Amino acid sequence: VFLTVNDHDKPAAAELARRFHGMGFGIKATHGTASYLRERGVPCDAVHKVSVARPHGIDLIKNGGVQLLVNTPLGQRAQKDDESLRQAAISHRIAYTTTLSAATAACDAIEALAGRTPEVRSIQEWQAQL
């Protein structure tokens, strides 16, 4: 899970990262977010912002190192960097969220389905049970 969040969202992002880590996901974050997470006991790898240096978040996405992007942009510079991250996520078919509420919903769903085998049924089978 790759987190790049604004300062306002960092407290909630720390709890979210802790939950994802608890399910076995590796956590990656931009340097500021990574420092914040580590200070709160969440292990994570730091990644450069797109406009700062390489390798950066887009490289991470292109190389298959991301399964979910949690991106909450704030400000003009962040908007440009984060737009390119989201475009890379779309191009590489990676799920992304731009709000922590959506990221939390994704985490809730993953937790609910963890360890379960999905059950596939046809529409007719579902309808027969009504």
N, C-alpha and C. Protein backbone atom coordinates (compact mmCIF):
# COMPACT_ATOMS: atom_id res chain seq x y z
N VAL A 1 0.86 -1.16 0.00
CA VAL A 1 0.00 0.00 0.00
C VAL A 1 0.91 1.23 0.00
N PHE A 2 0.67 2.13 -0.93
CA PHE A 2 1.46 3.36 -1.04
C PHE A 2 0.62 4.53 -0.57
N LEU A 3 1.10 5.20 0.50
CA LEU A 3 0.39 6.33 1.08
C LEU A 3 1.14 7.62 0.81
N THR A 4 0.42 8.60 0.29
CA THR A 4 0.94 9.95 0.17
C THR A 4 -0.21 10.88 0.56
N VAL A 5 -0.15 11.37 1.79
CA VAL A 5 -1.29 12.10 2.35
C VAL A 5 -0.85 13.47 2.86
N ASN A 6 -1.81 14.39 2.90
CA ASN A 6 -1.52 15.73 3.41
C ASN A 6 -1.42 15.69 4.94
N ASP A 7 -0.85 16.74 5.51
CA ASP A 7 -0.59 16.77 6.96
C ASP A 7 -1.86 16.59 7.79
N HIS A 8 -2.95 17.15 7.34
CA HIS A 8 -4.22 17.04 8.08
C HIS A 8 -4.67 15.58 8.20
N ASP A 9 -4.38 14.77 7.19
CA ASP A 9 -4.84 13.38 7.16
C ASP A 9 -3.88 12.38 7.82
N LYS A 10 -2.70 12.83 8.23
CA LYS A 10 -1.69 11.89 8.74
C LYS A 10 -2.13 11.10 9.98
N PRO A 11 -2.80 11.71 10.96
CA PRO A 11 -3.21 10.89 12.11
C PRO A 11 -4.10 9.70 11.72
N ALA A 12 -5.10 9.94 10.90
CA ALA A 12 -5.98 8.85 10.47
C ALA A 12 -5.24 7.88 9.55
N ALA A 13 -4.32 8.40 8.74
CA ALA A 13 -3.54 7.54 7.84
C ALA A 13 -2.65 6.59 8.63
N ALA A 14 -2.16 7.02 9.78
CA ALA A 14 -1.32 6.15 10.61
C ALA A 14 -2.11 4.93 11.08
N GLU A 15 -3.33 5.15 11.52
CA GLU A 15 -4.16 4.02 11.95
C GLU A 15 -4.48 3.11 10.77
N LEU A 16 -4.78 3.69 9.63
CA LEU A 16 -5.06 2.92 8.43
C LEU A 16 -3.85 2.08 8.03
N ALA A 17 -2.68 2.69 8.03
CA ALA A 17 -1.44 1.97 7.68
C ALA A 17 -1.20 0.83 8.66
N ARG A 18 -1.46 1.07 9.93
CA ARG A 18 -1.30 0.02 10.95
C ARG A 18 -2.21 -1.17 10.64
N ARG A 19 -3.43 -0.89 10.23
CA ARG A 19 -4.37 -1.98 9.90
C ARG A 19 -3.90 -2.75 8.67
N PHE A 20 -3.49 -2.03 7.62
CA PHE A 20 -3.00 -2.72 6.42
C PHE A 20 -1.77 -3.55 6.75
N HIS A 21 -0.86 -3.00 7.53
CA HIS A 21 0.35 -3.74 7.92
C HIS A 21 -0.03 -5.00 8.70
N GLY A 22 -1.01 -4.88 9.57
CA GLY A 22 -1.48 -6.02 10.34
C GLY A 22 -2.05 -7.15 9.49
N MET A 23 -2.52 -6.80 8.30
CA MET A 23 -3.03 -7.82 7.37
C MET A 23 -1.92 -8.37 6.47
N GLY A 24 -0.70 -7.89 6.66
CA GLY A 24 0.41 -8.41 5.88
C GLY A 24 0.84 -7.57 4.70
N PHE A 25 0.23 -6.42 4.51
CA PHE A 25 0.62 -5.54 3.40
C PHE A 25 1.89 -4.79 3.78
N GLY A 26 2.78 -4.62 2.80
CA GLY A 26 3.92 -3.74 2.98
C GLY A 26 3.44 -2.31 2.82
N ILE A 27 4.02 -1.40 3.59
CA ILE A 27 3.62 0.00 3.54
C ILE A 27 4.76 0.82 2.95
N LYS A 28 4.41 1.64 1.98
CA LYS A 28 5.35 2.59 1.38
C LYS A 28 4.68 3.96 1.47
N ALA A 29 5.50 4.99 1.65
CA ALA A 29 4.95 6.33 1.80
C ALA A 29 5.99 7.36 1.38
N THR A 30 5.52 8.54 0.98
CA THR A 30 6.44 9.62 0.69
C THR A 30 7.16 9.99 1.99
N HIS A 31 8.31 10.63 1.88
CA HIS A 31 9.20 10.83 3.03
C HIS A 31 8.51 11.44 4.25
N GLY A 32 7.73 12.50 4.07
CA GLY A 32 7.07 13.13 5.22
C GLY A 32 6.08 12.18 5.89
N THR A 33 5.30 11.49 5.09
CA THR A 33 4.34 10.54 5.63
C THR A 33 5.06 9.36 6.26
N ALA A 34 6.13 8.89 5.62
CA ALA A 34 6.90 7.76 6.16
C ALA A 34 7.47 8.10 7.53
N SER A 35 8.02 9.29 7.69
CA SER A 35 8.56 9.71 8.99
C SER A 35 7.47 9.72 10.05
N TYR A 36 6.32 10.26 9.68
CA TYR A 36 5.19 10.33 10.61
C TYR A 36 4.78 8.92 11.04
N LEU A 37 4.68 8.00 10.07
CA LEU A 37 4.27 6.64 10.38
C LEU A 37 5.29 5.93 11.27
N ARG A 38 6.56 6.06 10.94
CA ARG A 38 7.61 5.41 11.74
C ARG A 38 7.61 5.92 13.17
N GLU A 39 7.40 7.23 13.35
CA GLU A 39 7.35 7.80 14.70
C GLU A 39 6.22 7.19 15.52
N ARG A 40 5.23 6.64 14.85
CA ARG A 40 4.09 6.03 15.52
C ARG A 40 4.14 4.51 15.46
N GLY A 41 5.30 3.97 15.15
CA GLY A 41 5.50 2.52 15.21
C GLY A 41 5.02 1.73 14.01
N VAL A 42 4.74 2.40 12.90
CA VAL A 42 4.30 1.68 11.70
C VAL A 42 5.50 1.53 10.77
N PRO A 43 5.96 0.30 10.53
CA PRO A 43 7.09 0.12 9.63
C PRO A 43 6.71 0.46 8.19
N CYS A 44 7.57 1.21 7.52
CA CYS A 44 7.29 1.55 6.13
C CYS A 44 8.57 1.97 5.42
N ASP A 45 8.52 1.88 4.10
CA ASP A 45 9.62 2.31 3.25
C ASP A 45 9.30 3.70 2.70
N ALA A 46 10.31 4.56 2.66
CA ALA A 46 10.13 5.92 2.14
C ALA A 46 10.35 5.95 0.63
N VAL A 47 9.54 6.76 -0.05
CA VAL A 47 9.59 6.92 -1.50
C VAL A 47 9.65 8.42 -1.80
N HIS A 48 10.44 8.80 -2.81
CA HIS A 48 10.53 10.21 -3.19
C HIS A 48 9.22 10.69 -3.82
N LYS A 49 8.93 11.97 -3.64
CA LYS A 49 7.83 12.60 -4.37
C LYS A 49 8.25 12.70 -5.83
N VAL A 50 7.27 12.74 -6.72
CA VAL A 50 7.52 12.77 -8.16
C VAL A 50 8.40 13.96 -8.55
N SER A 51 8.15 15.11 -7.97
CA SER A 51 8.87 16.32 -8.36
C SER A 51 10.23 16.47 -7.68
N VAL A 52 10.61 15.52 -6.82
CA VAL A 52 11.84 15.67 -6.04
C VAL A 52 13.00 14.86 -6.61
N ALA A 53 12.84 13.56 -6.72
CA ALA A 53 13.95 12.70 -7.17
C ALA A 53 13.40 11.35 -7.62
N ARG A 54 14.29 10.57 -8.20
CA ARG A 54 13.95 9.21 -8.60
C ARG A 54 14.79 8.24 -7.79
N PRO A 55 14.35 7.03 -7.58
CA PRO A 55 13.04 6.51 -7.96
C PRO A 55 11.94 7.15 -7.11
N HIS A 56 10.79 7.35 -7.74
CA HIS A 56 9.66 7.99 -7.06
C HIS A 56 8.43 7.10 -7.17
N GLY A 57 7.30 7.65 -6.74
CA GLY A 57 6.07 6.87 -6.68
C GLY A 57 5.63 6.28 -8.01
N ILE A 58 5.83 7.02 -9.10
CA ILE A 58 5.43 6.49 -10.41
C ILE A 58 6.30 5.29 -10.77
N ASP A 59 7.59 5.38 -10.47
CA ASP A 59 8.48 4.24 -10.71
C ASP A 59 8.02 3.02 -9.92
N LEU A 60 7.64 3.24 -8.68
CA LEU A 60 7.15 2.17 -7.82
C LEU A 60 5.91 1.52 -8.42
N ILE A 61 4.99 2.33 -8.92
CA ILE A 61 3.77 1.82 -9.55
C ILE A 61 4.12 1.03 -10.81
N LYS A 62 4.95 1.60 -11.68
CA LYS A 62 5.32 0.94 -12.94
C LYS A 62 6.03 -0.39 -12.71
N ASN A 63 6.77 -0.50 -11.61
CA ASN A 63 7.51 -1.72 -11.32
C ASN A 63 6.71 -2.75 -10.53
N GLY A 64 5.42 -2.51 -10.35
CA GLY A 64 4.55 -3.48 -9.69
C GLY A 64 4.65 -3.49 -8.17
N GLY A 65 5.16 -2.42 -7.58
CA GLY A 65 5.33 -2.38 -6.13
C GLY A 65 4.15 -1.82 -5.37
N VAL A 66 3.02 -1.61 -6.05
CA VAL A 66 1.85 -1.00 -5.38
C VAL A 66 0.60 -1.80 -5.73
N GLN A 67 -0.20 -2.11 -4.71
CA GLN A 67 -1.50 -2.75 -4.92
C GLN A 67 -2.64 -1.77 -4.67
N LEU A 68 -2.37 -0.76 -3.86
CA LEU A 68 -3.38 0.27 -3.56
C LEU A 68 -2.65 1.58 -3.31
N LEU A 69 -3.13 2.64 -3.95
CA LEU A 69 -2.60 3.99 -3.75
C LEU A 69 -3.61 4.79 -2.93
N VAL A 70 -3.16 5.33 -1.81
CA VAL A 70 -3.98 6.21 -0.98
C VAL A 70 -3.34 7.59 -1.09
N ASN A 71 -4.04 8.50 -1.77
CA ASN A 71 -3.49 9.80 -2.12
C ASN A 71 -4.48 10.90 -1.76
N THR A 72 -4.11 11.76 -0.81
CA THR A 72 -4.98 12.88 -0.44
C THR A 72 -4.24 14.18 -0.70
N PRO A 73 -4.37 14.73 -1.91
CA PRO A 73 -3.61 15.92 -2.28
C PRO A 73 -4.15 17.19 -1.62
N LEU A 74 -3.23 18.15 -1.46
CA LEU A 74 -3.61 19.46 -0.94
C LEU A 74 -2.56 20.46 -1.43
N GLY A 75 -3.00 21.49 -2.14
CA GLY A 75 -2.08 22.50 -2.64
C GLY A 75 -1.75 22.31 -4.11
N GLN A 76 -1.24 23.37 -4.76
CA GLN A 76 -0.98 23.36 -6.20
C GLN A 76 0.09 22.35 -6.60
N ARG A 77 1.24 22.37 -5.92
CA ARG A 77 2.32 21.45 -6.28
C ARG A 77 1.89 20.01 -6.07
N ALA A 78 1.22 19.76 -4.96
CA ALA A 78 0.75 18.41 -4.68
C ALA A 78 -0.25 17.96 -5.74
N GLN A 79 -1.11 18.86 -6.19
CA GLN A 79 -2.10 18.51 -7.20
C GLN A 79 -1.42 17.96 -8.45
N LYS A 80 -0.36 18.64 -8.91
CA LYS A 80 0.33 18.21 -10.13
C LYS A 80 1.03 16.86 -9.93
N ASP A 81 1.79 16.72 -8.84
CA ASP A 81 2.46 15.45 -8.54
C ASP A 81 1.44 14.33 -8.40
N ASP A 82 0.39 14.60 -7.65
CA ASP A 82 -0.57 13.56 -7.34
C ASP A 82 -1.41 13.18 -8.55
N GLU A 83 -1.65 14.12 -9.44
CA GLU A 83 -2.37 13.78 -10.67
C GLU A 83 -1.56 12.77 -11.48
N SER A 84 -0.26 12.95 -11.56
CA SER A 84 0.56 12.00 -12.32
C SER A 84 0.60 10.64 -11.63
N LEU A 85 0.56 10.61 -10.30
CA LEU A 85 0.48 9.33 -9.58
C LEU A 85 -0.82 8.61 -9.91
N ARG A 86 -1.92 9.35 -9.87
CA ARG A 86 -3.22 8.73 -10.16
C ARG A 86 -3.29 8.24 -11.60
N GLN A 87 -2.73 9.00 -12.53
CA GLN A 87 -2.71 8.56 -13.93
C GLN A 87 -1.91 7.28 -14.08
N ALA A 88 -0.78 7.18 -13.39
CA ALA A 88 0.02 5.96 -13.44
C ALA A 88 -0.76 4.79 -12.84
N ALA A 89 -1.47 5.03 -11.75
CA ALA A 89 -2.28 3.98 -11.14
C ALA A 89 -3.34 3.47 -12.12
N ILE A 90 -4.01 4.39 -12.79
CA ILE A 90 -5.03 4.00 -13.77
C ILE A 90 -4.39 3.20 -14.90
N SER A 91 -3.27 3.68 -15.43
CA SER A 91 -2.59 3.01 -16.54
C SER A 91 -2.15 1.60 -16.18
N HIS A 92 -1.84 1.37 -14.90
CA HIS A 92 -1.35 0.06 -14.47
C HIS A 92 -2.41 -0.73 -13.70
N ARG A 93 -3.66 -0.28 -13.80
CA ARG A 93 -4.80 -0.97 -13.21
C ARG A 93 -4.65 -1.20 -11.71
N ILE A 94 -4.24 -0.15 -11.03
CA ILE A 94 -4.07 -0.20 -9.58
C ILE A 94 -5.17 0.64 -8.94
N ALA A 95 -5.80 0.07 -7.94
CA ALA A 95 -6.86 0.79 -7.23
C ALA A 95 -6.25 1.98 -6.50
N TYR A 96 -6.99 3.10 -6.47
CA TYR A 96 -6.54 4.25 -5.71
C TYR A 96 -7.72 4.96 -5.09
N THR A 97 -7.45 5.65 -3.98
CA THR A 97 -8.47 6.48 -3.34
C THR A 97 -7.87 7.86 -3.10
N THR A 98 -8.74 8.86 -3.09
CA THR A 98 -8.29 10.23 -2.82
C THR A 98 -8.86 10.76 -1.51
N THR A 99 -9.52 9.90 -0.76
CA THR A 99 -10.01 10.27 0.57
C THR A 99 -9.70 9.14 1.54
N LEU A 100 -9.51 9.50 2.79
CA LEU A 100 -9.26 8.46 3.79
C LEU A 100 -10.51 7.65 4.09
N SER A 101 -11.68 8.25 3.91
CA SER A 101 -12.91 7.47 4.14
C SER A 101 -13.02 6.34 3.12
N ALA A 102 -12.67 6.61 1.87
CA ALA A 102 -12.69 5.55 0.85
C ALA A 102 -11.60 4.51 1.13
N ALA A 103 -10.44 4.95 1.56
CA ALA A 103 -9.35 4.02 1.89
C ALA A 103 -9.74 3.15 3.08
N THR A 104 -10.42 3.74 4.05
CA THR A 104 -10.88 2.98 5.21
C THR A 104 -11.93 1.96 4.80
N ALA A 105 -12.83 2.33 3.89
CA ALA A 105 -13.83 1.39 3.39
C ALA A 105 -13.14 0.22 2.67
N ALA A 106 -12.11 0.52 1.88
CA ALA A 106 -11.37 -0.54 1.19
C ALA A 106 -10.70 -1.46 2.21
N CYS A 107 -10.11 -0.89 3.24
CA CYS A 107 -9.48 -1.69 4.29
C CYS A 107 -10.50 -2.56 5.01
N ASP A 108 -11.65 -1.98 5.33
CA ASP A 108 -12.73 -2.74 5.97
C ASP A 108 -13.14 -3.94 5.11
N ALA A 109 -13.29 -3.71 3.81
CA ALA A 109 -13.70 -4.78 2.89
C ALA A 109 -12.64 -5.87 2.81
N ILE A 110 -11.38 -5.47 2.73
CA ILE A 110 -10.29 -6.46 2.66
C ILE A 110 -10.25 -7.28 3.95
N GLU A 111 -10.40 -6.62 5.10
CA GLU A 111 -10.43 -7.35 6.37
C GLU A 111 -11.60 -8.33 6.43
N ALA A 112 -12.76 -7.89 5.94
CA ALA A 112 -13.95 -8.75 5.98
C ALA A 112 -13.79 -9.98 5.09
N LEU A 113 -13.06 -9.83 4.01
CA LEU A 113 -12.90 -10.94 3.07
C LEU A 113 -11.64 -11.77 3.30
N ALA A 114 -10.77 -11.31 4.16
CA ALA A 114 -9.50 -12.01 4.40
C ALA A 114 -9.75 -13.43 4.88
N GLY A 115 -9.08 -14.37 4.25
CA GLY A 115 -9.18 -15.76 4.65
C GLY A 115 -10.44 -16.47 4.17
N ARG A 116 -11.28 -15.77 3.46
CA ARG A 116 -12.51 -16.40 2.94
C ARG A 116 -12.34 -16.72 1.48
N THR A 117 -12.96 -17.79 1.06
CA THR A 117 -12.99 -18.15 -0.35
C THR A 117 -14.23 -17.51 -0.97
N PRO A 118 -14.05 -16.71 -2.01
CA PRO A 118 -15.22 -16.09 -2.63
C PRO A 118 -16.18 -17.14 -3.19
N GLU A 119 -17.44 -16.86 -3.06
CA GLU A 119 -18.47 -17.75 -3.58
C GLU A 119 -19.06 -17.12 -4.84
N VAL A 120 -18.96 -17.83 -5.93
CA VAL A 120 -19.47 -17.33 -7.20
C VAL A 120 -20.77 -18.06 -7.52
N ARG A 121 -21.81 -17.28 -7.78
CA ARG A 121 -23.10 -17.85 -8.17
C ARG A 121 -23.68 -17.05 -9.32
N SER A 122 -24.48 -17.72 -10.12
CA SER A 122 -25.13 -17.03 -11.23
C SER A 122 -26.29 -16.18 -10.70
N ILE A 123 -26.75 -15.28 -11.53
CA ILE A 123 -27.90 -14.45 -11.16
C ILE A 123 -29.11 -15.33 -10.89
N GLN A 124 -29.27 -16.38 -11.67
CA GLN A 124 -30.40 -17.28 -11.49
C GLN A 124 -30.35 -17.96 -10.12
N GLU A 125 -29.17 -18.33 -9.67
CA GLU A 125 -29.04 -18.94 -8.35
C GLU A 125 -29.40 -17.95 -7.25
N TRP A 126 -28.96 -16.71 -7.40
CA TRP A 126 -29.31 -15.68 -6.42
C TRP A 126 -30.82 -15.45 -6.41
N GLN A 127 -31.40 -15.36 -7.60
CA GLN A 127 -32.84 -15.10 -7.71
C GLN A 127 -33.66 -16.24 -7.13
N ALA A 128 -33.19 -17.46 -7.28
CA ALA A 128 -33.92 -18.61 -6.75
C ALA A 128 -34.02 -18.57 -5.23
N GLN A 129 -33.11 -17.88 -4.58
CA GLN A 129 -33.13 -17.80 -3.12
C GLN A 129 -34.04 -16.70 -2.59
N LEU A 130 -34.56 -15.86 -3.48
CA LEU A 130 -35.44 -14.77 -3.02
C LEU A 130 -36.81 -15.25 -2.65
